[in-house]
Amino acid sequence: MPTGYSDTCWKELYVAVLFENDKSKLAEKIAEAQAAIIARRRQSLGSGPNTKKKQALDTALLSLQALANCLAVTPSRVADVRAASIQPSDVRAA
């Protein structure tokens, strides 16, 4: 996964999850959107206090986790997909 995500990129991935009709694709799309949001959140740490943007990222991340829980997309499946798609250098606490 690339580490440079724009505001538009993570939002597009997030919206794609919300409108995905194929349950078999949800785990992969959730993991991809979560990775983009975490990467963007990490990028925003150095850009000073922009609380609205950080709050939007945090809310989106929590919403994706709630969606995964509601749709019974097992956390291990999302974790497996995320682990396969994230570079080791991307794995840090958000």
PDB file of N, CA and C in Angstrom:
ATOM      1  N   MET A   1       0.837  -1.184   0.000  1.00  0.00           N
ATOM      2  CA  MET A   1       0.000   0.000   0.000  1.00  0.00           C
ATOM      3  C   MET A   1       0.876   1.239   0.000  1.00  0.00           C
ATOM      4  N   PRO A   2       0.551   2.197  -0.792  1.00  0.00           N
ATOM      5  CA  PRO A   2       1.304   3.441  -0.762  1.00  0.00           C
ATOM      6  C   PRO A   2       1.083   4.161   0.557  1.00  0.00           C
ATOM      7  N   THR A   3       2.075   4.894   1.014  1.00  0.00           N
ATOM      8  CA  THR A   3       1.913   5.608   2.274  1.00  0.00           C
ATOM      9  C   THR A   3       1.353   6.998   2.076  1.00  0.00           C
ATOM     10  N   GLY A   4       1.334   7.545   0.875  1.00  0.00           N
ATOM     11  CA  GLY A   4       0.841   8.888   0.638  1.00  0.00           C
ATOM     12  C   GLY A   4      -0.601   8.903   0.166  1.00  0.00           C
ATOM     13  N   TYR A   5      -1.511   9.201   1.066  1.00  0.00           N
ATOM     14  CA  TYR A   5      -2.930   9.258   0.714  1.00  0.00           C
ATOM     15  C   TYR A   5      -3.404  10.689   0.810  1.00  0.00           C
ATOM     16  N   SER A   6      -4.151  11.109  -0.191  1.00  0.00           N
ATOM     17  CA  SER A   6      -4.731  12.441  -0.164  1.00  0.00           C
ATOM     18  C   SER A   6      -6.063  12.380   0.561  1.00  0.00           C
ATOM     19  N   ASP A   7      -6.623  13.540   0.865  1.00  0.00           N
ATOM     20  CA  ASP A   7      -7.952  13.600   1.477  1.00  0.00           C
ATOM     21  C   ASP A   7      -8.981  12.954   0.564  1.00  0.00           C
ATOM     22  N   THR A   8      -8.844  13.159  -0.735  1.00  0.00           N
ATOM     23  CA  THR A   8      -9.798  12.597  -1.692  1.00  0.00           C
ATOM     24  C   THR A   8      -9.701  11.076  -1.741  1.00  0.00           C
ATOM     25  N   CYS A   9      -8.499  10.541  -1.712  1.00  0.00           N
ATOM     26  CA  CYS A   9      -8.282   9.100  -1.834  1.00  0.00           C
ATOM     27  C   CYS A   9      -8.966   8.328  -0.712  1.00  0.00           C
ATOM     28  N   TRP A  10      -8.713   8.675   0.532  1.00  0.00           N
ATOM     29  CA  TRP A  10      -9.310   7.915   1.630  1.00  0.00           C
ATOM     30  C   TRP A  10     -10.820   8.064   1.637  1.00  0.00           C
ATOM     31  N   LYS A  11     -11.310   9.244   1.269  1.00  0.00           N
ATOM     32  CA  LYS A  11     -12.766   9.452   1.229  1.00  0.00           C
ATOM     33  C   LYS A  11     -13.413   8.581   0.151  1.00  0.00           C
ATOM     34  N   GLU A  12     -12.758   8.481  -1.003  1.00  0.00           N
ATOM     35  CA  GLU A  12     -13.290   7.637  -2.073  1.00  0.00           C
ATOM     36  C   GLU A  12     -13.331   6.172  -1.643  1.00  0.00           C
ATOM     37  N   LEU A  13     -12.284   5.711  -0.983  1.00  0.00           N
ATOM     38  CA  LEU A  13     -12.249   4.335  -0.499  1.00  0.00           C
ATOM     39  C   LEU A  13     -13.320   4.107   0.565  1.00  0.00           C
ATOM     40  N   TYR A  14     -13.494   5.080   1.431  1.00  0.00           N
ATOM     41  CA  TYR A  14     -14.505   5.003   2.491  1.00  0.00           C
ATOM     42  C   TYR A  14     -15.914   4.921   1.895  1.00  0.00           C
ATOM     43  N   VAL A  15     -16.205   5.788   0.944  1.00  0.00           N
ATOM     44  CA  VAL A  15     -17.529   5.795   0.299  1.00  0.00           C
ATOM     45  C   VAL A  15     -17.746   4.496  -0.484  1.00  0.00           C
ATOM     46  N   ALA A  16     -16.693   3.979  -1.096  1.00  0.00           N
ATOM     47  CA  ALA A  16     -16.810   2.719  -1.834  1.00  0.00           C
ATOM     48  C   ALA A  16     -17.244   1.583  -0.909  1.00  0.00           C
ATOM     49  N   VAL A  17     -16.753   1.589   0.316  1.00  0.00           N
ATOM     50  CA  VAL A  17     -17.173   0.575   1.297  1.00  0.00           C
ATOM     51  C   VAL A  17     -18.655   0.745   1.613  1.00  0.00           C
ATOM     52  N   LEU A  18     -19.063   1.970   1.840  1.00  0.00           N
ATOM     53  CA  LEU A  18     -20.451   2.228   2.231  1.00  0.00           C
ATOM     54  C   LEU A  18     -21.448   1.797   1.162  1.00  0.00           C
ATOM     55  N   PHE A  19     -21.033   1.846  -0.093  1.00  0.00           N
ATOM     56  CA  PHE A  19     -21.943   1.512  -1.184  1.00  0.00           C
ATOM     57  C   PHE A  19     -21.663   0.148  -1.817  1.00  0.00           C
ATOM     58  N   GLU A  20     -20.781  -0.632  -1.196  1.00  0.00           N
ATOM     59  CA  GLU A  20     -20.483  -1.964  -1.723  1.00  0.00           C
ATOM     60  C   GLU A  20     -21.654  -2.908  -1.447  1.00  0.00           C
ATOM     61  N   ASN A  21     -22.173  -3.517  -2.493  1.00  0.00           N
ATOM     62  CA  ASN A  21     -23.296  -4.443  -2.369  1.00  0.00           C
ATOM     63  C   ASN A  21     -22.864  -5.891  -2.244  1.00  0.00           C
ATOM     64  N   ASP A  22     -21.647  -6.202  -2.619  1.00  0.00           N
ATOM     65  CA  ASP A  22     -21.152  -7.571  -2.604  1.00  0.00           C
ATOM     66  C   ASP A  22     -20.452  -7.846  -1.273  1.00  0.00           C
ATOM     67  N   LYS A  23     -21.121  -8.608  -0.406  1.00  0.00           N
ATOM     68  CA  LYS A  23     -20.592  -8.872   0.931  1.00  0.00           C
ATOM     69  C   LYS A  23     -19.229  -9.563   0.885  1.00  0.00           C
ATOM     70  N   SER A  24     -18.979 -10.330  -0.170  1.00  0.00           N
ATOM     71  CA  SER A  24     -17.703 -11.036  -0.260  1.00  0.00           C
ATOM     72  C   SER A  24     -16.524 -10.084  -0.483  1.00  0.00           C
ATOM     73  N   LYS A  25     -16.789  -8.869  -0.913  1.00  0.00           N
ATOM     74  CA  LYS A  25     -15.734  -7.881  -1.158  1.00  0.00           C
ATOM     75  C   LYS A  25     -15.536  -6.924   0.013  1.00  0.00           C
ATOM     76  N   LEU A  26     -16.428  -6.984   1.000  1.00  0.00           N
ATOM     77  CA  LEU A  26     -16.391  -5.998   2.079  1.00  0.00           C
ATOM     78  C   LEU A  26     -15.119  -6.044   2.917  1.00  0.00           C
ATOM     79  N   ALA A  27     -14.678  -7.218   3.299  1.00  0.00           N
ATOM     80  CA  ALA A  27     -13.490  -7.301   4.154  1.00  0.00           C
ATOM     81  C   ALA A  27     -12.294  -6.630   3.489  1.00  0.00           C
ATOM     82  N   GLU A  28     -12.101  -6.921   2.217  1.00  0.00           N
ATOM     83  CA  GLU A  28     -10.981  -6.321   1.487  1.00  0.00           C
ATOM     84  C   GLU A  28     -11.131  -4.807   1.384  1.00  0.00           C
ATOM     85  N   LYS A  29     -12.337  -4.345   1.062  1.00  0.00           N
ATOM     86  CA  LYS A  29     -12.552  -2.907   0.913  1.00  0.00           C
ATOM     87  C   LYS A  29     -12.437  -2.184   2.253  1.00  0.00           C
ATOM     88  N   ILE A  30     -12.934  -2.810   3.323  1.00  0.00           N
ATOM     89  CA  ILE A  30     -12.813  -2.204   4.651  1.00  0.00           C
ATOM     90  C   ILE A  30     -11.342  -2.078   5.027  1.00  0.00           C
ATOM     91  N   ALA A  31     -10.580  -3.136   4.823  1.00  0.00           N
ATOM     92  CA  ALA A  31      -9.151  -3.114   5.154  1.00  0.00           C
ATOM     93  C   ALA A  31      -8.414  -2.047   4.358  1.00  0.00           C
ATOM     94  N   GLU A  32      -8.731  -1.938   3.078  1.00  0.00           N
ATOM     95  CA  GLU A  32      -8.066  -0.935   2.234  1.00  0.00           C
ATOM     96  C   GLU A  32      -8.408   0.482   2.696  1.00  0.00           C
ATOM     97  N   ALA A  33      -9.670   0.718   2.991  1.00  0.00           N
ATOM     98  CA  ALA A  33     -10.088   2.043   3.452  1.00  0.00           C
ATOM     99  C   ALA A  33      -9.464   2.357   4.809  1.00  0.00           C
ATOM    100  N   GLN A  34      -9.428   1.375   5.708  1.00  0.00           N
ATOM    101  CA  GLN A  34      -8.810   1.590   7.012  1.00  0.00           C
ATOM    102  C   GLN A  34      -7.327   1.923   6.868  1.00  0.00           C
ATOM    103  N   ALA A  35      -6.635   1.218   6.002  1.00  0.00           N
ATOM    104  CA  ALA A  35      -5.210   1.481   5.789  1.00  0.00           C
ATOM    105  C   ALA A  35      -4.996   2.901   5.257  1.00  0.00           C
ATOM    106  N   ALA A  36      -5.849   3.327   4.340  1.00  0.00           N
ATOM    107  CA  ALA A  36      -5.737   4.682   3.783  1.00  0.00           C
ATOM    108  C   ALA A  36      -6.000   5.737   4.854  1.00  0.00           C
ATOM    109  N   ILE A  37      -6.988   5.486   5.688  1.00  0.00           N
ATOM    110  CA  ILE A  37      -7.325   6.448   6.745  1.00  0.00           C
ATOM    111  C   ILE A  37      -6.202   6.523   7.768  1.00  0.00           C
ATOM    112  N   ILE A  38      -5.664   5.371   8.153  1.00  0.00           N
ATOM    113  CA  ILE A  38      -4.557   5.358   9.115  1.00  0.00           C
ATOM    114  C   ILE A  38      -3.337   6.075   8.539  1.00  0.00           C
ATOM    115  N   ALA A  39      -3.033   5.822   7.277  1.00  0.00           N
ATOM    116  CA  ALA A  39      -1.897   6.494   6.637  1.00  0.00           C
ATOM    117  C   ALA A  39      -2.122   7.999   6.569  1.00  0.00           C
ATOM    118  N   ARG A  40      -3.327   8.407   6.238  1.00  0.00           N
ATOM    119  CA  ARG A  40      -3.638   9.839   6.147  1.00  0.00           C
ATOM    120  C   ARG A  40      -3.585  10.484   7.525  1.00  0.00           C
ATOM    121  N   ARG A  41      -4.058   9.750   8.510  1.00  0.00           N
ATOM    122  CA  ARG A  41      -4.029  10.257   9.893  1.00  0.00           C
ATOM    123  C   ARG A  41      -2.582  10.462  10.333  1.00  0.00           C
ATOM    124  N   ARG A  42      -1.727   9.514   9.972  1.00  0.00           N
ATOM    125  CA  ARG A  42      -0.310   9.611  10.295  1.00  0.00           C
ATOM    126  C   ARG A  42       0.317  10.827   9.606  1.00  0.00           C
ATOM    127  N   GLN A  43      -0.056  11.041   8.339  1.00  0.00           N
ATOM    128  CA  GLN A  43       0.468  12.202   7.602  1.00  0.00           C
ATOM    129  C   GLN A  43       0.040  13.505   8.267  1.00  0.00           C
ATOM    130  N   SER A  44      -1.170  13.528   8.790  1.00  0.00           N
ATOM    131  CA  SER A  44      -1.700  14.762   9.363  1.00  0.00           C
ATOM    132  C   SER A  44      -1.084  15.098  10.716  1.00  0.00           C
ATOM    133  N   LEU A  45      -0.406  14.135  11.341  1.00  0.00           N
ATOM    134  CA  LEU A  45       0.211  14.395  12.638  1.00  0.00           C
ATOM    135  C   LEU A  45       1.245  15.513  12.562  1.00  0.00           C
ATOM    136  N   GLY A  46       1.985  15.557  11.483  1.00  0.00           N
ATOM    137  CA  GLY A  46       3.021  16.568  11.343  1.00  0.00           C
ATOM    138  C   GLY A  46       2.534  17.894  10.788  1.00  0.00           C
ATOM    139  N   SER A  47       1.278  17.953  10.400  1.00  0.00           N
ATOM    140  CA  SER A  47       0.793  19.172   9.746  1.00  0.00           C
ATOM    141  C   SER A  47       0.129  20.154  10.704  1.00  0.00           C
ATOM    142  N   GLY A  48       0.305  19.952  11.988  1.00  0.00           N
ATOM    143  CA  GLY A  48      -0.262  20.888  12.949  1.00  0.00           C
ATOM    144  C   GLY A  48      -1.671  20.508  13.358  1.00  0.00           C
ATOM    145  N   PRO A  49      -2.257  21.315  14.216  1.00  0.00           N
ATOM    146  CA  PRO A  49      -3.567  20.983  14.774  1.00  0.00           C
ATOM    147  C   PRO A  49      -4.724  21.318  13.825  1.00  0.00           C
ATOM    148  N   ASN A  50      -5.177  20.342  13.087  1.00  0.00           N
ATOM    149  CA  ASN A  50      -6.383  20.518  12.279  1.00  0.00           C
ATOM    150  C   ASN A  50      -7.401  19.512  12.811  1.00  0.00           C
ATOM    151  N   THR A  51      -8.068  19.931  13.852  1.00  0.00           N
ATOM    152  CA  THR A  51      -8.945  19.025  14.586  1.00  0.00           C
ATOM    153  C   THR A  51     -10.098  18.500  13.756  1.00  0.00           C
ATOM    154  N   LYS A  52     -10.641  19.304  12.872  1.00  0.00           N
ATOM    155  CA  LYS A  52     -11.769  18.842  12.055  1.00  0.00           C
ATOM    156  C   LYS A  52     -11.369  17.681  11.162  1.00  0.00           C
ATOM    157  N   LYS A  53     -10.215  17.799  10.502  1.00  0.00           N
ATOM    158  CA  LYS A  53      -9.752  16.725   9.623  1.00  0.00           C
ATOM    159  C   LYS A  53      -9.436  15.465  10.417  1.00  0.00           C
ATOM    160  N   LYS A  54      -8.766  15.626  11.542  1.00  0.00           N
ATOM    161  CA  LYS A  54      -8.422  14.473  12.374  1.00  0.00           C
ATOM    162  C   LYS A  54      -9.683  13.804  12.922  1.00  0.00           C
ATOM    163  N   GLN A  55     -10.654  14.611  13.296  1.00  0.00           N
ATOM    164  CA  GLN A  55     -11.911  14.055  13.797  1.00  0.00           C
ATOM    165  C   GLN A  55     -12.642  13.298  12.689  1.00  0.00           C
ATOM    166  N   ALA A  56     -12.617  13.827  11.483  1.00  0.00           N
ATOM    167  CA  ALA A  56     -13.258  13.147  10.348  1.00  0.00           C
ATOM    168  C   ALA A  56     -12.587  11.802  10.081  1.00  0.00           C
ATOM    169  N   LEU A  57     -11.265  11.765  10.145  1.00  0.00           N
ATOM    170  CA  LEU A  57     -10.529  10.509   9.951  1.00  0.00           C
ATOM    171  C   LEU A  57     -10.865   9.496  11.041  1.00  0.00           C
ATOM    172  N   ASP A  58     -10.875   9.959  12.274  1.00  0.00           N
ATOM    173  CA  ASP A  58     -11.186   9.066  13.394  1.00  0.00           C
ATOM    174  C   ASP A  58     -12.614   8.535  13.308  1.00  0.00           C
ATOM    175  N   THR A  59     -13.543   9.400  12.951  1.00  0.00           N
ATOM    176  CA  THR A  59     -14.941   8.996  12.819  1.00  0.00           C
ATOM    177  C   THR A  59     -15.108   7.975  11.707  1.00  0.00           C
ATOM    178  N   ALA A  60     -14.455   8.199  10.578  1.00  0.00           N
ATOM    179  CA  ALA A  60     -14.532   7.260   9.457  1.00  0.00           C
ATOM    180  C   ALA A  60     -13.961   5.909   9.854  1.00  0.00           C
ATOM    181  N   LEU A  61     -12.845   5.916  10.555  1.00  0.00           N
ATOM    182  CA  LEU A  61     -12.217   4.669  10.990  1.00  0.00           C
ATOM    183  C   LEU A  61     -13.135   3.893  11.936  1.00  0.00           C
ATOM    184  N   LEU A  62     -13.724   4.581  12.880  1.00  0.00           N
ATOM    185  CA  LEU A  62     -14.654   3.933  13.803  1.00  0.00           C
ATOM    186  C   LEU A  62     -15.902   3.434  13.085  1.00  0.00           C
ATOM    187  N   SER A  63     -16.365   4.182  12.116  1.00  0.00           N
ATOM    188  CA  SER A  63     -17.541   3.774  11.340  1.00  0.00           C
ATOM    189  C   SER A  63     -17.272   2.508  10.547  1.00  0.00           C
ATOM    190  N   LEU A  64     -16.094   2.407   9.982  1.00  0.00           N
ATOM    191  CA  LEU A  64     -15.734   1.203   9.240  1.00  0.00           C
ATOM    192  C   LEU A  64     -15.680  -0.014  10.155  1.00  0.00           C
ATOM    193  N   GLN A  65     -15.150   0.178  11.350  1.00  0.00           N
ATOM    194  CA  GLN A  65     -15.107  -0.939  12.294  1.00  0.00           C
ATOM    195  C   GLN A  65     -16.518  -1.336  12.719  1.00  0.00           C
ATOM    196  N   ALA A  66     -17.373  -0.358  12.937  1.00  0.00           N
ATOM    197  CA  ALA A  66     -18.765  -0.646  13.300  1.00  0.00           C
ATOM    198  C   ALA A  66     -19.471  -1.392  12.165  1.00  0.00           C
ATOM    199  N   LEU A  67     -19.228  -0.967  10.940  1.00  0.00           N
ATOM    200  CA  LEU A  67     -19.831  -1.635   9.788  1.00  0.00           C
ATOM    201  C   LEU A  67     -19.356  -3.085   9.700  1.00  0.00           C
ATOM    202  N   ALA A  68     -18.076  -3.293   9.895  1.00  0.00           N
ATOM    203  CA  ALA A  68     -17.535  -4.649   9.867  1.00  0.00           C
ATOM    204  C   ALA A  68     -18.195  -5.504  10.947  1.00  0.00           C
ATOM    205  N   ASN A  69     -18.369  -4.944  12.117  1.00  0.00           N
ATOM    206  CA  ASN A  69     -19.003  -5.678  13.207  1.00  0.00           C
ATOM    207  C   ASN A  69     -20.462  -5.990  12.894  1.00  0.00           C
ATOM    208  N   CYS A  70     -21.188  -5.032  12.375  1.00  0.00           N
ATOM    209  CA  CYS A  70     -22.608  -5.214  12.063  1.00  0.00           C
ATOM    210  C   CYS A  70     -22.831  -6.246  10.962  1.00  0.00           C
ATOM    211  N   LEU A  71     -21.952  -6.274  10.008  1.00  0.00           N
ATOM    212  CA  LEU A  71     -22.115  -7.177   8.875  1.00  0.00           C
ATOM    213  C   LEU A  71     -21.426  -8.520   9.100  1.00  0.00           C
ATOM    214  N   ALA A  72     -20.937  -8.723  10.301  1.00  0.00           N
ATOM    215  CA  ALA A  72     -20.274  -9.979  10.660  1.00  0.00           C
ATOM    216  C   ALA A  72     -19.080 -10.277   9.759  1.00  0.00           C
ATOM    217  N   VAL A  73     -18.398  -9.232   9.331  1.00  0.00           N
ATOM    218  CA  VAL A  73     -17.121  -9.411   8.646  1.00  0.00           C
ATOM    219  C   VAL A  73     -16.134  -9.631   9.775  1.00  0.00           C
ATOM    220  N   THR A  74     -15.637 -10.818   9.895  1.00  0.00           N
ATOM    221  CA  THR A  74     -14.816 -11.150  11.048  1.00  0.00           C
ATOM    222  C   THR A  74     -13.573 -10.278  11.113  1.00  0.00           C
ATOM    223  N   PRO A  75     -13.245  -9.807  12.310  1.00  0.00           N
ATOM    224  CA  PRO A  75     -12.043  -8.982  12.447  1.00  0.00           C
ATOM    225  C   PRO A  75     -10.793  -9.693  11.955  1.00  0.00           C
ATOM    226  N   SER A  76     -10.743 -11.024  12.120  1.00  0.00           N
ATOM    227  CA  SER A  76      -9.547 -11.740  11.660  1.00  0.00           C
ATOM    228  C   SER A  76      -9.436 -11.680  10.137  1.00  0.00           C
ATOM    229  N   ARG A  77     -10.563 -11.724   9.445  1.00  0.00           N
ATOM    230  CA  ARG A  77     -10.540 -11.639   7.974  1.00  0.00           C
ATOM    231  C   ARG A  77     -10.057 -10.258   7.545  1.00  0.00           C
ATOM    232  N   VAL A  78     -10.569  -9.208   8.183  1.00  0.00           N
ATOM    233  CA  VAL A  78     -10.125  -7.850   7.871  1.00  0.00           C
ATOM    234  C   VAL A  78      -8.640  -7.723   8.198  1.00  0.00           C
ATOM    235  N   ALA A  79      -8.213  -8.272   9.333  1.00  0.00           N
ATOM    236  CA  ALA A  79      -6.806  -8.205   9.714  1.00  0.00           C
ATOM    237  C   ALA A  79      -5.935  -8.960   8.712  1.00  0.00           C
ATOM    238  N   ASP A  80      -6.412 -10.121   8.250  1.00  0.00           N
ATOM    239  CA  ASP A  80      -5.656 -10.894   7.257  1.00  0.00           C
ATOM    240  C   ASP A  80      -5.483 -10.101   5.972  1.00  0.00           C
ATOM    241  N   VAL A  81      -6.555  -9.493   5.505  1.00  0.00           N
ATOM    242  CA  VAL A  81      -6.494  -8.711   4.269  1.00  0.00           C
ATOM    243  C   VAL A  81      -5.604  -7.501   4.466  1.00  0.00           C
ATOM    244  N   ARG A  82      -5.754  -6.827   5.611  1.00  0.00           N
ATOM    245  CA  ARG A  82      -4.950  -5.646   5.892  1.00  0.00           C
ATOM    246  C   ARG A  82      -3.474  -6.022   5.953  1.00  0.00           C
ATOM    247  N   ALA A  83      -3.150  -7.115   6.636  1.00  0.00           N
ATOM    248  CA  ALA A  83      -1.754  -7.549   6.770  1.00  0.00           C
ATOM    249  C   ALA A  83      -1.147  -7.868   5.411  1.00  0.00           C
ATOM    250  N   ALA A  84      -1.938  -8.420   4.526  1.00  0.00           N
ATOM    251  CA  ALA A  84      -1.436  -8.766   3.197  1.00  0.00           C
ATOM    252  C   ALA A  84      -1.229  -7.533   2.326  1.00  0.00           C
ATOM    253  N   SER A  85      -1.912  -6.439   2.652  1.00  0.00           N
ATOM    254  CA  SER A  85      -1.856  -5.280   1.770  1.00  0.00           C
ATOM    255  C   SER A  85      -1.036  -4.123   2.325  1.00  0.00           C
ATOM    256  N   ILE A  86      -0.594  -4.201   3.575  1.00  0.00           N
ATOM    257  CA  ILE A  86       0.153  -3.107   4.184  1.00  0.00           C
ATOM    258  C   ILE A  86       1.633  -3.468   4.259  1.00  0.00           C
ATOM    259  N   GLN A  87       2.461  -2.551   3.861  1.00  0.00           N
ATOM    260  CA  GLN A  87       3.903  -2.713   3.978  1.00  0.00           C
ATOM    261  C   GLN A  87       4.294  -2.687   5.453  1.00  0.00           C
ATOM    262  N   PRO A  88       5.309  -3.405   5.848  1.00  0.00           N
ATOM    263  CA  PRO A  88       5.738  -3.383   7.256  1.00  0.00           C
ATOM    264  C   PRO A  88       6.020  -1.976   7.765  1.00  0.00           C
ATOM    265  N   SER A  89       6.480  -1.080   6.921  1.00  0.00           N
ATOM    266  CA  SER A  89       6.774   0.289   7.361  1.00  0.00           C
ATOM    267  C   SER A  89       5.498   1.084   7.631  1.00  0.00           C
ATOM    268  N   ASP A  90       4.347   0.602   7.153  1.00  0.00           N
ATOM    269  CA  ASP A  90       3.085   1.294   7.380  1.00  0.00           C
ATOM    270  C   ASP A  90       2.453   0.923   8.721  1.00  0.00           C
ATOM    271  N   VAL A  91       2.937  -0.126   9.342  1.00  0.00           N
ATOM    272  CA  VAL A  91       2.298  -0.641  10.549  1.00  0.00           C
ATOM    273  C   VAL A  91       2.882   0.066  11.761  1.00  0.00           C
ATOM    274  N   ARG A  92       2.169   1.062  12.219  1.00  0.00           N
ATOM    275  CA  ARG A  92       2.494   1.806  13.434  1.00  0.00           C
ATOM    276  C   ARG A  92       1.176   2.205  14.055  1.00  0.00           C
ATOM    277  N   ALA A  93       1.193   2.591  15.295  1.00  0.00           N
ATOM    278  CA  ALA A  93      -0.037   3.052  15.937  1.00  0.00           C
ATOM    279  C   ALA A  93      -0.485   4.350  15.292  1.00  0.00           C
ATOM    280  N   ALA A  94      -1.766   4.477  15.087  1.00  0.00           N
ATOM    281  CA  ALA A  94      -2.317   5.684  14.441  1.00  0.00           C
ATOM    282  C   ALA A  94      -2.339   6.848  15.383  1.00  0.00           C
TER     283      ALA A  94
END
